[in-house]
Amino acid sequence: MIAITKLDGTGLLLNVDMIETIEQTPDTMISLADGTKLLVRETPAQIVERVMDFKRAVYRGSEYPREAPKVLAADPAAWTER
């Protein structure tokens, strides 16, 4: 899972295996396999980079993330698992 930030500033953990498309419209919209659409603050490039880092860590068997992402560390009660 990767940390993302919804437009309202709410942190969210996203299951990367659910991502179907990422569009910039001009906000970044992530379309999921179940039809859900998320508008987020990150750019498509940032999301792709996080997904690639996550997948590398999984394939290597290492701990991911090494420390809590800032968006989640600021207010742990604000994020949910997807």
Protein backbone atom coordinates (compact mmCIF):
# COMPACT_ATOMS: atom_id res chain seq x y z
CA MET A 1 0.00 0.00 0.00
CA ILE A 2 1.08 3.55 -0.64
CA ALA A 3 0.18 6.79 1.13
CA ILE A 4 -1.73 9.38 -0.89
CA THR A 5 -3.51 12.62 0.01
CA LYS A 6 -7.06 13.37 -1.05
CA LEU A 7 -7.85 16.93 -2.15
CA ASP A 8 -9.33 17.74 1.28
CA GLY A 9 -5.99 16.87 2.91
CA THR A 10 -7.11 13.51 4.26
CA GLY A 11 -4.43 10.82 4.17
CA LEU A 12 -5.25 7.46 2.64
CA LEU A 13 -3.47 4.15 2.18
CA LEU A 14 -4.11 2.80 -1.29
CA ASN A 15 -3.81 -0.82 -2.39
CA VAL A 16 -1.61 -0.47 -5.48
CA ASP A 17 -3.04 -3.63 -7.03
CA MET A 18 -6.43 -1.90 -7.35
CA ILE A 19 -5.13 0.94 -9.57
CA GLU A 20 -6.35 0.79 -13.16
CA THR A 21 -5.54 4.28 -14.45
CA ILE A 22 -4.01 7.55 -13.28
CA GLU A 23 -5.05 10.73 -15.11
CA GLN A 24 -4.24 14.40 -14.72
CA THR A 25 -7.52 16.28 -15.37
CA PRO A 26 -6.01 18.90 -14.10
CA ASP A 27 -6.21 17.29 -10.64
CA THR A 28 -4.86 13.77 -10.46
CA MET A 29 -7.62 11.17 -10.68
CA ILE A 30 -6.96 7.53 -9.80
CA SER A 31 -9.47 5.00 -11.15
CA LEU A 32 -9.67 1.73 -9.25
CA ALA A 33 -10.70 -1.73 -10.40
CA ASP A 34 -13.97 -1.52 -8.45
CA GLY A 35 -15.00 1.68 -10.28
CA THR A 36 -14.02 4.07 -7.47
CA LYS A 37 -12.41 7.32 -8.57
CA LEU A 38 -10.12 9.26 -6.24
CA LEU A 39 -8.97 12.86 -6.68
CA VAL A 40 -5.59 13.29 -5.03
CA ARG A 41 -2.94 15.98 -4.51
CA GLU A 42 -0.01 13.93 -5.79
CA THR A 43 1.03 14.07 -9.44
CA PRO A 44 0.83 10.94 -11.60
CA ALA A 45 4.65 10.80 -11.56
CA GLN A 46 4.72 10.82 -7.73
CA ILE A 47 2.15 8.03 -7.57
CA VAL A 48 4.05 5.90 -10.08
CA GLU A 49 7.28 6.47 -8.14
CA ARG A 50 5.62 5.37 -4.88
CA VAL A 51 4.13 2.30 -6.54
CA MET A 52 7.51 1.34 -7.99
CA ASP A 53 9.24 1.86 -4.62
CA PHE A 54 6.58 -0.26 -2.91
CA LYS A 55 6.82 -3.07 -5.49
CA ARG A 56 10.64 -3.08 -5.28
CA ALA A 57 10.46 -3.37 -1.50
CA VAL A 58 7.94 -6.23 -1.71
CA TYR A 59 10.03 -8.17 -4.22
CA ARG A 60 13.16 -7.67 -2.15
CA GLY A 61 11.35 -8.69 1.02
CA SER A 62 12.33 -5.52 2.81
CA GLU A 63 10.29 -3.41 5.20
CA TYR A 64 8.17 -0.71 3.56
CA PRO A 65 7.96 2.10 4.40
CA ARG A 66 10.88 2.45 6.77
CA GLU A 67 9.12 5.32 8.54
CA ALA A 68 5.57 6.59 8.49
CA PRO A 69 4.86 8.93 5.57
CA LYS A 70 4.41 12.54 6.71
CA VAL A 71 0.80 12.60 5.56
CA LEU A 72 -0.01 9.71 7.88
CA ALA A 73 2.26 10.67 10.76
CA ALA A 74 0.60 14.09 11.10
CA ASP A 75 -2.84 12.68 11.95
CA PRO A 76 -3.10 8.88 12.12
CA ALA A 77 -6.82 9.08 12.95
CA ALA A 78 -7.48 10.73 9.57
CA TRP A 79 -6.37 7.88 7.31
CA THR A 80 -8.13 4.67 6.41
CA GLU A 81 -7.19 1.50 4.62
CA ARG A 82 -8.65 0.93 1.16
